[in-house]
C-alpha atoms as a PDB file:
ATOM      1  CA  UNK A   1       3.363 -14.867  13.925  1.00  0.00           C
ATOM      2  CA  UNK A   2       6.781 -14.394  15.468  1.00  0.00           C
ATOM      3  CA  UNK A   3       9.327 -12.298  13.615  1.00  0.00           C
ATOM      4  CA  UNK A   4      13.094 -12.086  13.960  1.00  0.00           C
ATOM      5  CA  UNK A   5      15.078  -8.859  13.807  1.00  0.00           C
ATOM      6  CA  UNK A   6      16.238  -9.813  10.299  1.00  0.00           C
ATOM      7  CA  UNK A   7      12.609  -9.795   9.135  1.00  0.00           C
ATOM      8  CA  UNK A   8      12.065  -6.164  10.179  1.00  0.00           C
ATOM      9  CA  UNK A   9      13.126  -3.390   7.787  1.00  0.00           C
ATOM     10  CA  UNK A  10      13.499   0.133   9.132  1.00  0.00           C
ATOM     11  CA  UNK A  11      12.400   2.605   6.475  1.00  0.00           C
ATOM     12  CA  UNK A  12      14.002   6.014   5.842  1.00  0.00           C
ATOM     13  CA  UNK A  13      12.163   8.934   7.371  1.00  0.00           C
ATOM     14  CA  UNK A  14       9.629  10.366   4.891  1.00  0.00           C
ATOM     15  CA  UNK A  15       9.872  13.888   3.538  1.00  0.00           C
ATOM     16  CA  UNK A  16       7.197  16.315   4.677  1.00  0.00           C
ATOM     17  CA  UNK A  17       7.685  18.813   1.876  1.00  0.00           C
ATOM     18  CA  UNK A  18       7.724  18.113  -1.841  1.00  0.00           C
ATOM     19  CA  UNK A  19       9.023  19.590  -5.072  1.00  0.00           C
ATOM     20  CA  UNK A  20       5.586  20.275  -6.545  1.00  0.00           C
ATOM     21  CA  UNK A  21       2.353  21.709  -5.152  1.00  0.00           C
ATOM     22  CA  UNK A  22      -0.752  19.702  -4.327  1.00  0.00           C
ATOM     23  CA  UNK A  23      -2.497  21.480  -7.203  1.00  0.00           C
ATOM     24  CA  UNK A  24       0.175  20.445  -9.701  1.00  0.00           C
ATOM     25  CA  UNK A  25       0.093  16.848  -8.477  1.00  0.00           C
ATOM     26  CA  UNK A  26      -3.688  16.786  -8.885  1.00  0.00           C
ATOM     27  CA  UNK A  27      -3.379  18.203 -12.386  1.00  0.00           C
ATOM     28  CA  UNK A  28      -0.859  15.523 -13.382  1.00  0.00           C
ATOM     29  CA  UNK A  29      -2.556  12.558 -11.704  1.00  0.00           C
ATOM     30  CA  UNK A  30      -3.107   9.694 -14.130  1.00  0.00           C
ATOM     31  CA  UNK A  31      -3.632   5.932 -13.983  1.00  0.00           C
ATOM     32  CA  UNK A  32      -0.357   4.602 -15.384  1.00  0.00           C
ATOM     33  CA  UNK A  33       0.178   0.963 -16.308  1.00  0.00           C
ATOM     34  CA  UNK A  34       3.562   1.035 -18.083  1.00  0.00           C
ATOM     35  CA  UNK A  35       6.800   1.390 -16.126  1.00  0.00           C
ATOM     36  CA  UNK A  36      10.516   1.426 -16.836  1.00  0.00           C
ATOM     37  CA  UNK A  37      12.967  -1.151 -15.527  1.00  0.00           C
ATOM     38  CA  UNK A  38      14.654   1.404 -13.260  1.00  0.00           C
ATOM     39  CA  UNK A  39      14.520   0.211  -9.639  1.00  0.00           C
ATOM     40  CA  UNK A  40      12.664   2.014  -6.898  1.00  0.00           C
ATOM     41  CA  UNK A  41      14.549   3.181  -3.816  1.00  0.00           C
ATOM     42  CA  UNK A  42      13.733   2.334  -0.234  1.00  0.00           C
ATOM     43  CA  UNK A  43      12.987   6.050   0.205  1.00  0.00           C
ATOM     44  CA  UNK A  44      10.384   5.795  -2.575  1.00  0.00           C
ATOM     45  CA  UNK A  45       8.675   2.957  -0.733  1.00  0.00           C
ATOM     46  CA  UNK A  46       8.811   4.796   2.584  1.00  0.00           C
ATOM     47  CA  UNK A  47       7.288   7.911   1.041  1.00  0.00           C
ATOM     48  CA  UNK A  48       4.424   6.000  -0.574  1.00  0.00           C
ATOM     49  CA  UNK A  49       3.637   4.093   2.604  1.00  0.00           C
ATOM     50  CA  UNK A  50       3.714   7.261   4.694  1.00  0.00           C
ATOM     51  CA  UNK A  51       1.285   8.887   2.255  1.00  0.00           C
ATOM     52  CA  UNK A  52      -0.975   5.853   2.560  1.00  0.00           C
ATOM     53  CA  UNK A  53      -1.103   5.421   6.341  1.00  0.00           C
ATOM     54  CA  UNK A  54       1.760   7.348   7.943  1.00  0.00           C
ATOM     55  CA  UNK A  55       1.495   8.768  11.439  1.00  0.00           C
ATOM     56  CA  UNK A  56       1.000  12.553  11.485  1.00  0.00           C
ATOM     57  CA  UNK A  57       0.151  13.302  15.123  1.00  0.00           C
ATOM     58  CA  UNK A  58       2.539  13.568  18.048  1.00  0.00           C
ATOM     59  CA  UNK A  59       0.110  13.117  20.928  1.00  0.00           C
ATOM     60  CA  UNK A  60      -2.360  10.901  19.061  1.00  0.00           C
ATOM     61  CA  UNK A  61      -1.652   8.457  16.256  1.00  0.00           C
ATOM     62  CA  UNK A  62      -3.462  10.431  13.578  1.00  0.00           C
ATOM     63  CA  UNK A  63      -2.679   9.259  10.065  1.00  0.00           C
ATOM     64  CA  UNK A  64      -2.437  10.742   6.591  1.00  0.00           C
ATOM     65  CA  UNK A  65      -5.866   9.337   5.654  1.00  0.00           C
ATOM     66  CA  UNK A  66      -9.042   9.810   7.737  1.00  0.00           C
ATOM     67  CA  UNK A  67     -10.696   6.886   9.491  1.00  0.00           C
ATOM     68  CA  UNK A  68     -14.152   6.742  11.077  1.00  0.00           C
ATOM     69  CA  UNK A  69     -13.696   6.933  14.830  1.00  0.00           C
ATOM     70  CA  UNK A  70      -9.918   6.654  14.431  1.00  0.00           C
ATOM     71  CA  UNK A  71     -10.304   2.853  14.332  1.00  0.00           C
ATOM     72  CA  UNK A  72      -8.111   2.259  11.248  1.00  0.00           C
ATOM     73  CA  UNK A  73      -9.420  -0.998   9.766  1.00  0.00           C
ATOM     74  CA  UNK A  74      -6.991  -0.937   6.834  1.00  0.00           C
ATOM     75  CA  UNK A  75      -3.709  -2.820   6.501  1.00  0.00           C
ATOM     76  CA  UNK A  76      -1.027  -2.074   3.899  1.00  0.00           C
ATOM     77  CA  UNK A  77       1.271  -4.649   2.304  1.00  0.00           C
ATOM     78  CA  UNK A  78       4.172  -4.274  -0.130  1.00  0.00           C
ATOM     79  CA  UNK A  79       5.301  -6.919  -2.594  1.00  0.00           C
ATOM     80  CA  UNK A  80       8.820  -5.954  -3.662  1.00  0.00           C
ATOM     81  CA  UNK A  81      10.400  -7.120  -6.921  1.00  0.00           C
ATOM     82  CA  UNK A  82      12.744  -4.323  -8.039  1.00  0.00           C
ATOM     83  CA  UNK A  83      13.599  -2.132  -5.054  1.00  0.00           C
ATOM     84  CA  UNK A  84      17.146  -1.250  -4.040  1.00  0.00           C
ATOM     85  CA  UNK A  85      18.120  -2.627  -0.614  1.00  0.00           C
ATOM     86  CA  UNK A  86      14.863  -4.555  -0.273  1.00  0.00           C
ATOM     87  CA  UNK A  87      14.579  -8.251  -0.996  1.00  0.00           C
ATOM     88  CA  UNK A  88      11.984  -9.678  -3.350  1.00  0.00           C
ATOM     89  CA  UNK A  89       9.436 -10.528  -0.676  1.00  0.00           C
ATOM     90  CA  UNK A  90       6.028  -9.690   0.718  1.00  0.00           C
ATOM     91  CA  UNK A  91       6.015  -7.225   3.630  1.00  0.00           C
ATOM     92  CA  UNK A  92       3.449  -5.694   5.964  1.00  0.00           C
ATOM     93  CA  UNK A  93       3.694  -2.005   6.844  1.00  0.00           C
ATOM     94  CA  UNK A  94       3.758  -0.924  10.485  1.00  0.00           C
ATOM     95  CA  UNK A  95       2.806   2.780  10.573  1.00  0.00           C
ATOM     96  CA  UNK A  96       3.634   3.408  14.236  1.00  0.00           C
ATOM     97  CA  UNK A  97       7.360   2.824  13.795  1.00  0.00           C
ATOM     98  CA  UNK A  98       7.598   3.169   9.984  1.00  0.00           C
ATOM     99  CA  UNK A  99       8.888  -0.353   9.423  1.00  0.00           C
ATOM    100  CA  UNK A 100       8.218  -3.317   7.186  1.00  0.00           C
ATOM    101  CA  UNK A 101       7.808  -6.844   8.504  1.00  0.00           C
ATOM    102  CA  UNK A 102       8.556  -9.689   6.118  1.00  0.00           C
ATOM    103  CA  UNK A 103       5.622 -12.034   5.592  1.00  0.00           C
ATOM    104  CA  UNK A 104       7.051 -14.372   2.956  1.00  0.00           C
ATOM    105  CA  UNK A 105       9.921 -14.636   0.473  1.00  0.00           C
ATOM    106  CA  UNK A 106       9.837 -14.488  -3.299  1.00  0.00           C
ATOM    107  CA  UNK A 107       8.635 -12.377  -6.207  1.00  0.00           C
ATOM    108  CA  UNK A 108       4.815 -12.334  -5.976  1.00  0.00           C
ATOM    109  CA  UNK A 109       4.057 -10.635  -9.308  1.00  0.00           C
ATOM    110  CA  UNK A 110       3.007 -13.753 -11.207  1.00  0.00           C
ATOM    111  CA  UNK A 111       0.728 -14.979  -8.428  1.00  0.00           C
ATOM    112  CA  UNK A 112      -0.843 -11.546  -8.039  1.00  0.00           C
ATOM    113  CA  UNK A 113      -1.240 -11.109 -11.777  1.00  0.00           C
ATOM    114  CA  UNK A 114      -3.043 -14.440 -11.923  1.00  0.00           C
ATOM    115  CA  UNK A 115      -5.317 -13.353  -9.071  1.00  0.00           C
ATOM    116  CA  UNK A 116      -5.968 -10.042 -10.871  1.00  0.00           C
ATOM    117  CA  UNK A 117      -7.048 -11.596 -14.166  1.00  0.00           C
ATOM    118  CA  UNK A 118      -3.641 -11.215 -15.850  1.00  0.00           C
ATOM    119  CA  UNK A 119      -3.243  -7.435 -15.718  1.00  0.00           C
ATOM    120  CA  UNK A 120       0.068  -6.355 -17.260  1.00  0.00           C
ATOM    121  CA  UNK A 121       0.645  -3.468 -14.849  1.00  0.00           C
ATOM    122  CA  UNK A 122       1.317  -5.992 -12.090  1.00  0.00           C
ATOM    123  CA  UNK A 123       3.777  -7.993 -14.209  1.00  0.00           C
ATOM    124  CA  UNK A 124       5.656  -4.807 -15.182  1.00  0.00           C
ATOM    125  CA  UNK A 125       5.833  -3.229 -11.721  1.00  0.00           C
ATOM    126  CA  UNK A 126       8.791  -2.801  -9.380  1.00  0.00           C
ATOM    127  CA  UNK A 127       6.609  -3.031  -6.272  1.00  0.00           C
ATOM    128  CA  UNK A 128       2.950  -3.597  -5.502  1.00  0.00           C
ATOM    129  CA  UNK A 129       0.942  -1.937  -2.741  1.00  0.00           C
ATOM    130  CA  UNK A 130      -1.976  -4.002  -1.436  1.00  0.00           C
ATOM    131  CA  UNK A 131      -4.711  -2.594   0.779  1.00  0.00           C
ATOM    132  CA  UNK A 132      -6.878  -4.831   2.943  1.00  0.00           C
ATOM    133  CA  UNK A 133      -9.541  -4.273   5.589  1.00  0.00           C
ATOM    134  CA  UNK A 134     -10.490  -5.856   8.891  1.00  0.00           C
ATOM    135  CA  UNK A 135     -14.095  -4.659   9.080  1.00  0.00           C
ATOM    136  CA  UNK A 136     -14.574  -5.814  12.667  1.00  0.00           C
ATOM    137  CA  UNK A 137     -12.330  -3.029  13.939  1.00  0.00           C
ATOM    138  CA  UNK A 138     -14.945  -0.543  12.794  1.00  0.00           C
ATOM    139  CA  UNK A 139     -18.105  -2.600  13.274  1.00  0.00           C
ATOM    140  CA  UNK A 140     -17.575  -2.795  17.041  1.00  0.00           C
ATOM    141  CA  UNK A 141     -18.540   0.887  17.113  1.00  0.00           C
ATOM    142  CA  UNK A 142     -20.508   1.472  13.916  1.00  0.00           C
ATOM    143  CA  UNK A 143     -22.224  -1.856  13.267  1.00  0.00           C
ATOM    144  CA  UNK A 144     -23.473  -2.379   9.730  1.00  0.00           C
ATOM    145  CA  UNK A 145     -21.958   0.916   8.528  1.00  0.00           C
ATOM    146  CA  UNK A 146     -18.432  -0.418   9.033  1.00  0.00           C
ATOM    147  CA  UNK A 147     -18.040  -1.727   5.496  1.00  0.00           C
ATOM    148  CA  UNK A 148     -19.129   1.594   4.001  1.00  0.00           C
ATOM    149  CA  UNK A 149     -16.708   3.534   6.195  1.00  0.00           C
ATOM    150  CA  UNK A 150     -13.801   1.220   5.331  1.00  0.00           C
ATOM    151  CA  UNK A 151     -14.514   1.665   1.618  1.00  0.00           C
ATOM    152  CA  UNK A 152     -14.556   5.443   1.998  1.00  0.00           C
ATOM    153  CA  UNK A 153     -11.235   5.178   3.819  1.00  0.00           C
ATOM    154  CA  UNK A 154      -9.601   3.052   1.147  1.00  0.00           C
ATOM    155  CA  UNK A 155     -10.582   5.691  -1.426  1.00  0.00           C
ATOM    156  CA  UNK A 156      -8.712   8.314   0.578  1.00  0.00           C
ATOM    157  CA  UNK A 157      -5.655   6.068   0.845  1.00  0.00           C
ATOM    158  CA  UNK A 158      -5.675   5.319  -2.879  1.00  0.00           C
ATOM    159  CA  UNK A 159      -5.817   9.019  -3.750  1.00  0.00           C
ATOM    160  CA  UNK A 160      -2.965   9.749  -1.339  1.00  0.00           C
ATOM    161  CA  UNK A 161      -0.858   7.113  -3.091  1.00  0.00           C
ATOM    162  CA  UNK A 162      -1.707   8.566  -6.501  1.00  0.00           C
ATOM    163  CA  UNK A 163      -0.766  12.109  -5.489  1.00  0.00           C
ATOM    164  CA  UNK A 164       2.420  11.069  -3.699  1.00  0.00           C
ATOM    165  CA  UNK A 165       3.448   8.978  -6.713  1.00  0.00           C
ATOM    166  CA  UNK A 166       3.131  12.000  -8.993  1.00  0.00           C
ATOM    167  CA  UNK A 167       5.253  14.097  -6.655  1.00  0.00           C
ATOM    168  CA  UNK A 168       8.186  11.647  -6.687  1.00  0.00           C
ATOM    169  CA  UNK A 169       8.031  10.599 -10.333  1.00  0.00           C
ATOM    170  CA  UNK A 170       6.346   7.228 -10.027  1.00  0.00           C
ATOM    171  CA  UNK A 171       3.409   5.735 -11.874  1.00  0.00           C
ATOM    172  CA  UNK A 172       0.584   3.707 -10.389  1.00  0.00           C
ATOM    173  CA  UNK A 173      -2.952   2.533 -11.047  1.00  0.00           C
ATOM    174  CA  UNK A 174      -5.689   1.262  -8.756  1.00  0.00           C
ATOM    175  CA  UNK A 175      -6.810  -2.280  -9.549  1.00  0.00           C
ATOM    176  CA  UNK A 176     -10.029  -3.608  -8.095  1.00  0.00           C
ATOM    177  CA  UNK A 177     -10.539  -6.540 -10.463  1.00  0.00           C
ATOM    178  CA  UNK A 178      -9.259  -9.663  -8.748  1.00  0.00           C
ATOM    179  CA  UNK A 179     -10.372 -13.015  -7.393  1.00  0.00           C
ATOM    180  CA  UNK A 180     -10.728 -12.383  -3.677  1.00  0.00           C
ATOM    181  CA  UNK A 181      -9.997 -15.913  -2.468  1.00  0.00           C
ATOM    182  CA  UNK A 182      -6.995 -16.258  -4.795  1.00  0.00           C
ATOM    183  CA  UNK A 183      -5.473 -12.990  -3.584  1.00  0.00           C
ATOM    184  CA  UNK A 184      -6.173 -13.870   0.058  1.00  0.00           C
ATOM    185  CA  UNK A 185      -4.186 -17.060  -0.450  1.00  0.00           C
ATOM    186  CA  UNK A 186      -1.263 -15.183  -2.019  1.00  0.00           C
ATOM    187  CA  UNK A 187      -1.188 -12.783   0.944  1.00  0.00           C
ATOM    188  CA  UNK A 188      -1.942 -15.534   3.476  1.00  0.00           C
ATOM    189  CA  UNK A 189      -4.674 -13.366   5.017  1.00  0.00           C
ATOM    190  CA  UNK A 190      -6.733 -14.495   8.003  1.00  0.00           C
ATOM    191  CA  UNK A 191     -10.438 -15.143   7.478  1.00  0.00           C
ATOM    192  CA  UNK A 192     -11.488 -11.741   8.849  1.00  0.00           C
ATOM    193  CA  UNK A 193      -9.206  -9.690   6.565  1.00  0.00           C
ATOM    194  CA  UNK A 194     -10.409  -8.789   3.073  1.00  0.00           C
ATOM    195  CA  UNK A 195      -8.400  -7.470   0.084  1.00  0.00           C
ATOM    196  CA  UNK A 196      -9.742  -4.214  -1.350  1.00  0.00           C
ATOM    197  CA  UNK A 197      -7.204  -2.731  -3.766  1.00  0.00           C
ATOM    198  CA  UNK A 198      -3.968  -3.444  -5.632  1.00  0.00           C
ATOM    199  CA  UNK A 199      -1.663  -0.608  -6.718  1.00  0.00           C
ATOM    200  CA  UNK A 200       1.415  -1.538  -8.789  1.00  0.00           C
ATOM    201  CA  UNK A 201       4.263   0.981  -8.717  1.00  0.00           C
ATOM    202  CA  UNK A 202       7.097   1.779 -11.073  1.00  0.00           C
ATOM    203  CA  UNK A 203       9.351   4.467 -12.459  1.00  0.00           C
ATOM    204  CA  UNK A 204       8.040   6.286 -15.524  1.00  0.00           C
END
């Protein structure tokens, strides 16, 4: 898919130090499904995405979450609906240059809620993080263990998003109940890319 410069959003640089300790964030971590109407900032989105899959190495492209063999089968998408300076659209995150690439226009909450069996947290959110996997990236090295490794990796990413959300005053919840084919259609995913988790975000 070709993209124009207008479809690429440069995100603010993420902070590498927070206002609360890791221990305090762990203590306060909860699955939160109710959010206020206050909009998220582009910095909020950048911080969450960096926590999920941000680059942490200078010489090598190490990321914030571990990946078997450094093969990184996961992809991260953002569906924006109430974010300052970000249109209501679906975007794909590019960790290497900390940018978003627009995939499609429009508020996706209703479609995603329908795919996820009508869960209110999606309808009430200001943005939605979606995590998918391309298992073949890992299976070329690890064969049948690839699916297991990708699922371990998505657990690490989900926890990173939870902890980062606590530290910047956001609420989120991991949703794994959805109709796979329906969600694939909403995201326009290729056949070899599978949805694994939905995480609505909002101010609390």
